Protein backbone atom coordinates (compact mmCIF):
# COMPACT_ATOMS: atom_id res chain seq x y z
CA MET A 1 31.34 37.38 -102.50
CA ASP A 2 28.87 37.73 -105.35
CA TRP A 3 26.10 39.87 -103.88
CA THR A 4 23.97 39.82 -107.03
CA ASN A 5 22.44 36.46 -106.17
CA LYS A 6 21.95 37.21 -102.45
CA ASN A 7 18.73 37.99 -100.62
CA ILE A 8 19.47 40.37 -97.74
CA LEU A 9 17.36 41.58 -94.82
CA VAL A 10 18.22 44.41 -92.45
CA THR A 11 16.33 44.80 -89.18
CA GLY A 12 15.87 48.39 -88.13
CA GLY A 13 16.22 49.21 -91.81
CA THR A 14 14.73 52.71 -91.58
CA GLY A 15 17.32 53.96 -89.06
CA SER A 16 20.50 55.89 -89.81
CA PHE A 17 22.55 52.77 -90.45
CA GLY A 18 19.78 50.95 -92.28
CA LYS A 19 19.19 53.72 -94.80
CA LYS A 20 22.88 54.14 -95.55
CA PHE A 21 23.35 50.37 -95.80
CA VAL A 22 20.46 50.10 -98.26
CA ALA A 23 21.81 53.00 -100.33
CA VAL A 24 25.29 51.49 -100.57
CA MET A 25 24.04 47.99 -101.33
CA MET A 26 21.72 49.16 -104.11
CA GLU A 27 24.32 51.48 -105.64
CA LYS A 28 27.40 49.26 -105.50
CA TYR A 29 26.46 45.61 -104.89
CA HIS A 30 23.03 45.12 -106.57
CA PRO A 31 21.60 42.28 -104.46
CA GLN A 32 18.84 40.11 -105.84
CA ARG A 33 16.51 41.27 -103.07
CA LEU A 34 16.92 43.60 -100.11
CA ILE A 35 14.29 43.62 -97.37
CA VAL A 36 13.83 46.56 -95.01
CA TYR A 37 12.35 45.18 -91.79
CA SER A 38 11.10 47.71 -89.23
CA ARG A 39 8.05 48.51 -87.13
CA ASP A 40 7.31 52.11 -88.23
CA GLU A 41 5.08 52.36 -91.29
CA LEU A 42 5.60 56.12 -91.56
CA LYS A 43 9.38 55.81 -91.74
CA GLN A 44 9.03 53.10 -94.36
CA HIS A 45 6.69 55.31 -96.39
CA GLU A 46 9.06 58.27 -96.10
CA MET A 47 12.01 56.08 -97.07
CA ARG A 48 10.22 54.68 -100.12
CA THR A 49 8.96 58.05 -101.33
CA GLY A 50 12.30 59.69 -100.51
CA GLY A 51 14.20 57.84 -103.20
CA PHE A 52 14.43 54.29 -101.85
CA ASP A 53 12.05 52.79 -104.37
CA HIS A 54 13.61 50.01 -106.43
CA PRO A 55 12.22 46.77 -107.91
CA ASN A 56 14.63 44.75 -105.73
CA LEU A 57 13.62 46.51 -102.50
CA ARG A 58 10.97 45.10 -100.17
CA TYR A 59 9.44 46.69 -97.08
CA PHE A 60 8.27 44.46 -94.24
CA ILE A 61 6.47 45.96 -91.25
CA GLY A 62 7.38 43.94 -88.19
CA ASP A 63 9.00 43.98 -84.77
CA VAL A 64 11.97 41.85 -83.74
CA ARG A 65 9.89 40.94 -80.70
CA ASP A 66 7.52 39.08 -83.05
CA LEU A 67 9.09 35.69 -83.81
CA PRO A 68 6.39 34.45 -86.24
CA ARG A 69 6.73 37.63 -88.30
CA LEU A 70 10.51 37.27 -88.34
CA ARG A 71 10.18 33.69 -89.55
CA ARG A 72 7.96 34.86 -92.39
CA ALA A 73 10.32 37.71 -93.29
CA PHE A 74 13.42 35.47 -93.20
CA ASN A 75 11.98 33.00 -95.72
CA GLY A 76 14.46 32.72 -98.59
CA VAL A 77 16.91 35.18 -97.00
CA ASP A 78 20.66 34.52 -97.26
CA ILE A 79 22.10 37.33 -95.10
CA VAL A 80 20.64 39.22 -92.13
CA VAL A 81 22.07 42.45 -90.75
CA HIS A 82 20.60 42.93 -87.28
CA ALA A 83 20.57 46.67 -86.56
CA ALA A 84 17.26 47.02 -84.70
CA ALA A 85 17.55 48.07 -81.06
CA LEU A 86 16.40 50.50 -78.41
CA LYS A 87 19.45 52.76 -78.18
CA GLN A 88 18.77 55.85 -76.09
CA VAL A 89 20.42 55.39 -72.69
CA PRO A 90 17.90 57.47 -70.65
CA ALA A 91 14.93 55.77 -72.35
CA CYS A 92 16.36 52.33 -71.63
CA GLU A 93 16.97 53.27 -67.99
CA TYR A 94 13.39 54.50 -67.59
CA ASN A 95 11.85 51.60 -69.54
CA PRO A 96 14.12 48.70 -68.59
CA MET A 97 11.89 45.80 -69.61
CA GLU A 98 11.25 47.37 -73.01
CA ALA A 99 15.02 47.47 -73.61
CA VAL A 100 15.30 43.83 -72.54
CA LYS A 101 12.41 42.78 -74.80
CA THR A 102 13.84 44.45 -77.89
CA ASN A 103 17.62 44.19 -77.44
CA ILE A 104 17.86 40.77 -75.78
CA LEU A 105 14.68 38.85 -76.55
CA GLY A 106 14.51 40.44 -80.01
CA SER A 107 18.05 39.25 -80.74
CA SER A 108 17.10 35.79 -79.52
CA ASN A 109 14.18 35.82 -81.95
CA VAL A 110 16.52 36.80 -84.78
CA VAL A 111 18.70 33.80 -83.91
CA ASP A 112 15.75 31.39 -83.83
CA ALA A 113 14.25 32.70 -87.07
CA ALA A 114 17.62 32.55 -88.84
CA LEU A 115 18.19 28.94 -87.76
CA ASP A 116 14.67 27.93 -88.75
CA ALA A 117 14.94 29.62 -92.17
CA GLY A 118 18.45 28.40 -92.95
CA VAL A 119 19.93 31.90 -93.26
CA GLU A 120 23.63 31.70 -94.16
CA LYS A 121 25.02 34.66 -92.21
CA VAL A 122 23.74 36.93 -89.45
CA LEU A 123 25.80 39.97 -88.48
CA ALA A 124 24.62 41.98 -85.48
CA LEU A 125 25.56 45.58 -84.73
CA SER A 126 26.92 46.26 -81.26
CA THR A 127 28.51 49.18 -79.44
CA ASP A 128 31.42 50.16 -77.24
CA LYS A 129 28.89 50.54 -74.43
CA ALA A 130 28.58 46.74 -74.35
CA VAL A 131 32.14 46.49 -72.94
CA ASN A 132 32.19 46.70 -69.13
CA PRO A 133 28.65 48.15 -69.20
CA ILE A 134 27.47 50.53 -66.50
CA ASN A 135 24.00 51.23 -67.90
CA LEU A 136 21.10 49.02 -68.96
CA TYR A 137 21.54 49.75 -72.64
CA GLY A 138 25.13 48.53 -72.54
CA ALA A 139 24.11 45.48 -70.52
CA THR A 140 21.43 44.51 -73.03
CA LYS A 141 23.86 44.92 -75.93
CA LEU A 142 26.42 42.77 -74.10
CA ALA A 143 23.77 40.09 -73.65
CA ALA A 144 22.84 40.40 -77.34
CA GLU A 145 26.50 39.95 -78.32
CA LYS A 146 26.81 36.84 -76.17
CA LEU A 147 23.59 35.46 -77.65
CA MET A 148 24.90 35.91 -81.17
CA VAL A 149 28.33 34.43 -80.53
CA GLN A 150 27.18 31.45 -78.48
CA SER A 151 24.29 30.65 -80.81
CA ASN A 152 26.83 29.29 -83.26
CA ALA A 153 26.73 26.20 -81.01
CA TYR A 154 23.13 25.66 -82.15
CA ALA A 155 24.18 25.84 -85.80
CA GLY A 156 26.31 22.69 -85.52
CA GLY A 157 26.11 20.98 -88.89
CA MET A 158 23.83 23.69 -90.31
CA LYS A 159 25.05 26.50 -92.55
CA THR A 160 23.91 29.42 -90.35
CA ARG A 161 26.68 31.52 -88.78
CA PHE A 162 26.45 34.44 -86.33
CA SER A 163 28.95 37.27 -85.73
CA CYS A 164 28.98 40.84 -84.42
CA VAL A 165 30.57 44.17 -85.23
CA ARG A 166 31.34 46.59 -82.41
CA TYR A 167 32.26 50.23 -82.87
CA GLY A 168 31.85 53.65 -81.29
CA ASN A 169 29.72 56.73 -81.83
CA VAL A 170 28.66 57.57 -85.37
CA VAL A 171 29.19 61.19 -86.37
CA GLY A 172 25.90 62.91 -87.07
CA SER A 173 23.68 59.88 -86.58
CA ARG A 174 20.19 60.55 -85.35
CA GLY A 175 20.11 61.34 -81.64
CA SER A 176 23.88 61.80 -81.36
CA VAL A 177 25.49 64.77 -79.68
CA VAL A 178 26.38 66.49 -82.97
CA PRO A 179 22.83 67.64 -83.81
CA LEU A 180 22.45 68.72 -80.18
CA PHE A 181 25.56 70.90 -80.33
CA ILE A 182 24.37 72.42 -83.60
CA LYS A 183 21.08 73.43 -81.97
CA GLN A 184 22.83 74.74 -78.87
CA ARG A 185 25.21 76.98 -80.79
CA GLU A 186 22.22 79.04 -81.92
CA VAL A 187 21.78 80.21 -78.33
CA GLY A 188 25.52 80.62 -77.73
CA GLU A 189 25.95 77.91 -75.07
CA VAL A 190 27.01 74.26 -75.41
CA THR A 191 26.57 71.83 -72.53
CA LEU A 192 29.20 69.20 -71.68
CA THR A 193 28.88 66.63 -68.92
CA ASP A 194 32.64 66.52 -68.24
CA GLU A 195 35.57 68.27 -69.89
CA ARG A 196 37.76 65.16 -69.61
CA MET A 197 35.40 63.00 -71.67
CA THR A 198 36.64 61.17 -74.79
CA ARG A 199 34.83 59.05 -77.36
CA PHE A 200 35.53 56.78 -80.31
CA TRP A 201 34.16 58.18 -83.56
CA ILE A 202 33.36 56.67 -86.93
CA SER A 203 31.50 57.99 -89.95
CA LEU A 204 28.32 56.32 -91.16
CA ASP A 205 29.99 55.46 -94.47
CA GLN A 206 32.90 53.80 -92.66
CA GLY A 207 30.48 51.85 -90.47
CA VAL A 208 28.53 50.52 -93.44
CA ASP A 209 31.68 49.62 -95.38
CA PHE A 210 33.04 47.80 -92.33
CA VAL A 211 29.83 45.80 -91.89
CA ILE A 212 29.86 44.74 -95.55
CA ARG A 213 33.49 43.65 -95.27
CA CYS A 214 32.79 41.66 -92.11
CA ILE A 215 29.85 39.88 -93.75
CA GLU A 216 32.18 38.79 -96.53
CA GLU A 217 34.92 37.58 -94.16
CA MET A 218 33.04 36.22 -91.12
CA GLN A 219 33.33 32.56 -90.19
CA GLY A 220 30.99 32.67 -87.19
CA GLY A 221 31.59 33.58 -83.56
CA GLU A 222 33.80 36.64 -84.08
CA VAL A 223 33.32 40.17 -82.81
CA PHE A 224 34.89 42.57 -85.31
CA VAL A 225 36.26 45.88 -84.00
CA PRO A 226 37.59 48.53 -86.41
CA LYS A 227 40.58 50.70 -85.58
CA ILE A 228 39.00 54.13 -85.33
CA PRO A 229 40.15 57.49 -83.95
CA SER A 230 39.24 59.12 -80.66
CA MET A 231 38.27 62.70 -80.04
CA LYS A 232 37.94 64.93 -77.03
CA MET A 233 34.42 66.13 -76.45
CA THR A 234 35.74 69.61 -75.78
CA ASP A 235 37.27 69.60 -79.28
CA LEU A 236 33.96 68.48 -80.77
CA ALA A 237 32.17 71.34 -79.04
CA LYS A 238 34.78 73.83 -80.25
CA ALA A 239 34.60 72.46 -83.80
CA ILE A 240 30.82 72.84 -84.01
CA ALA A 241 30.32 75.98 -81.93
CA PRO A 242 33.65 77.85 -81.75
CA ASN A 243 32.06 81.04 -80.45
CA ALA A 244 29.75 79.43 -77.90
CA ARG A 245 30.35 79.23 -74.17
CA ILE A 246 30.88 75.70 -72.79
CA ARG A 247 28.90 74.92 -69.65
CA VAL A 248 29.81 71.78 -67.68
CA ILE A 249 26.68 70.17 -66.25
CA GLY A 250 28.13 67.04 -64.60
CA ILE A 251 28.33 63.45 -65.73
CA ARG A 252 24.97 61.70 -66.10
CA PRO A 253 23.94 58.36 -64.58
CA GLY A 254 25.13 55.49 -66.76
CA GLU A 255 27.69 57.62 -68.59
CA LYS A 256 31.42 56.90 -68.76
CA LEU A 257 34.32 59.31 -69.01
CA HIS A 258 35.95 57.05 -71.60
CA GLU A 259 34.59 54.19 -73.69
CA VAL A 260 36.23 50.80 -74.23
CA LEU A 261 36.09 48.68 -77.39
CA ILE A 262 38.22 45.76 -76.17
CA SER A 263 38.55 44.84 -72.50
CA ASN A 264 41.60 43.34 -70.77
CA ASP A 265 39.93 39.94 -70.56
CA GLU A 266 38.84 39.93 -74.21
CA ALA A 267 42.36 40.83 -75.32
CA ARG A 268 43.50 37.28 -74.55
CA THR A 269 41.48 35.90 -77.46
CA THR A 270 41.80 38.94 -79.74
CA VAL A 271 43.90 39.13 -82.90
CA GLU A 272 45.19 42.41 -84.30
CA LEU A 273 45.14 43.02 -88.05
CA ALA A 274 46.26 46.11 -89.96
CA ASP A 275 42.99 47.99 -89.66
CA MET A 276 40.87 46.03 -87.18
CA TYR A 277 40.78 43.67 -84.22
CA VAL A 278 38.98 40.32 -84.21
CA VAL A 279 37.75 39.01 -80.88
CA GLN A 280 37.69 35.26 -81.41
CA PRO A 281 35.15 33.14 -79.51
CA ALA A 282 36.53 32.03 -76.16
CA ALA A 283 34.40 28.90 -76.05
CA ALA A 284 35.37 25.80 -78.02
CA LEU A 285 33.19 26.46 -81.06
CA TRP A 286 33.98 24.75 -84.33
CA PHE A 287 34.82 27.93 -86.22
CA GLY A 288 35.92 31.55 -85.82
CA HIS A 289 39.51 30.80 -84.76
CA HIS A 290 41.40 30.97 -88.05
CA TRP A 291 42.19 34.66 -87.49
CA SER A 292 45.21 33.71 -85.38
CA GLU A 293 46.94 32.74 -88.62
CA LEU A 294 46.22 36.14 -90.19
CA GLY A 295 47.15 38.56 -87.41
CA LYS A 296 49.08 38.87 -84.20
CA PRO A 297 48.02 38.41 -80.56
CA LEU A 298 47.65 41.40 -78.27
CA PRO A 299 50.12 41.99 -75.42
CA ASP A 300 49.17 40.88 -71.95
CA GLY A 301 46.96 43.40 -70.15
CA TYR A 302 46.06 45.30 -73.33
CA HIS A 303 42.77 47.16 -73.58
CA TYR A 304 41.49 49.41 -76.35
CA ALA A 305 39.93 52.54 -74.86
CA SER A 306 39.08 55.99 -76.16
CA ASP A 307 41.62 57.63 -73.83
CA ASN A 308 44.58 55.32 -74.63
CA ASN A 309 44.07 55.38 -78.39
CA THR A 310 47.08 56.14 -80.57
CA VAL A 311 44.99 57.96 -83.20
CA TRP A 312 43.24 61.24 -82.38
CA LEU A 313 41.20 63.58 -84.53
CA SER A 314 42.45 67.16 -84.71
CA LEU A 315 40.11 70.13 -84.48
CA GLU A 316 40.34 70.61 -88.25
CA GLU A 317 39.62 66.93 -88.93
CA ILE A 318 36.58 67.04 -86.66
CA GLN A 319 35.26 70.11 -88.48
CA LYS A 320 35.61 68.36 -91.85
CA MET A 321 34.06 65.16 -90.54
CA VAL A 322 31.02 66.93 -89.13
CA ALA A 323 30.55 69.20 -92.14
CA SER A 324 30.43 66.24 -94.55
CA LYS A 325 27.60 64.42 -92.80
CA THR A 326 23.86 64.68 -93.19
CA LEU A 327 22.47 65.35 -89.76
CA ASP A 328 19.21 64.13 -88.32
CA SER A 329 18.14 64.36 -84.71
CA GLU A 330 15.68 61.64 -83.84
CA GLU A 331 17.50 58.45 -83.08
CA ASP A 332 21.02 57.20 -82.47
CA LEU A 333 22.68 54.41 -84.42
CA VAL A 334 24.65 52.88 -81.60
């Protein structure tokens, strides 16, 4: 794909993913125009004055809940990366309708605005918590995924296509457990909810590179899942605070022991490639099924979970991974 003649918009563009995506696009791909769409004027100001000031960059203040504003922002846009969401599990549990308005209705608005504006490709960011969800955040992200995939039926003879990427926790992203452990090691005690807990982990750079690749290869209707390593939360605590005491505080409401990226039922329509899985649309859409020719089907009953993964990060690998990341503590990516 020739990115130099593309106009790109990223919702939630001032978040962890958005900033890294903008940096990579401007450094390596040089799009014709890149629009940062978000609702926080202060974050946009800090982003612009913090080095993200380029003639091809635009900053739009707006909320994904605001369909007319989205329509205005999407005018002339070729590619949309939908990263805006309410992501903190406790906040979503306490403010359920706000999570629904942003994560579900906001995604619906993105679909409508993209169709109305003739956007070519929309790629939405999802999370492992959308698979077999047990909390409201996961449920809203599952609904957002379904909205994106099934909205390809509305595209019909139009050029607009919708797909999703789904991956696990991002090391060092804002609001993740890494900054929390770093703060806790100063007092000599790290809190874990359960010593058996495992998680999928991916770096921010890997996440951005994967999204760019999926934009280039998407046909519409797919959910792309990268093959990423797992880690034990006890190892993460030891890597960050080796001299701190670990205190187990009990699993929290809406929290899983292990996360899942592909469920048993999804495996029936999933194709495995060398470095990723592609969940093809189960419904009879017109596109998104050619991946069967490029990969192999999954065995019956297969599921991809953080505790049955074949690739695990060692203590040393976790230490290197954490040390190489810029840490911020305000908001999570996924």
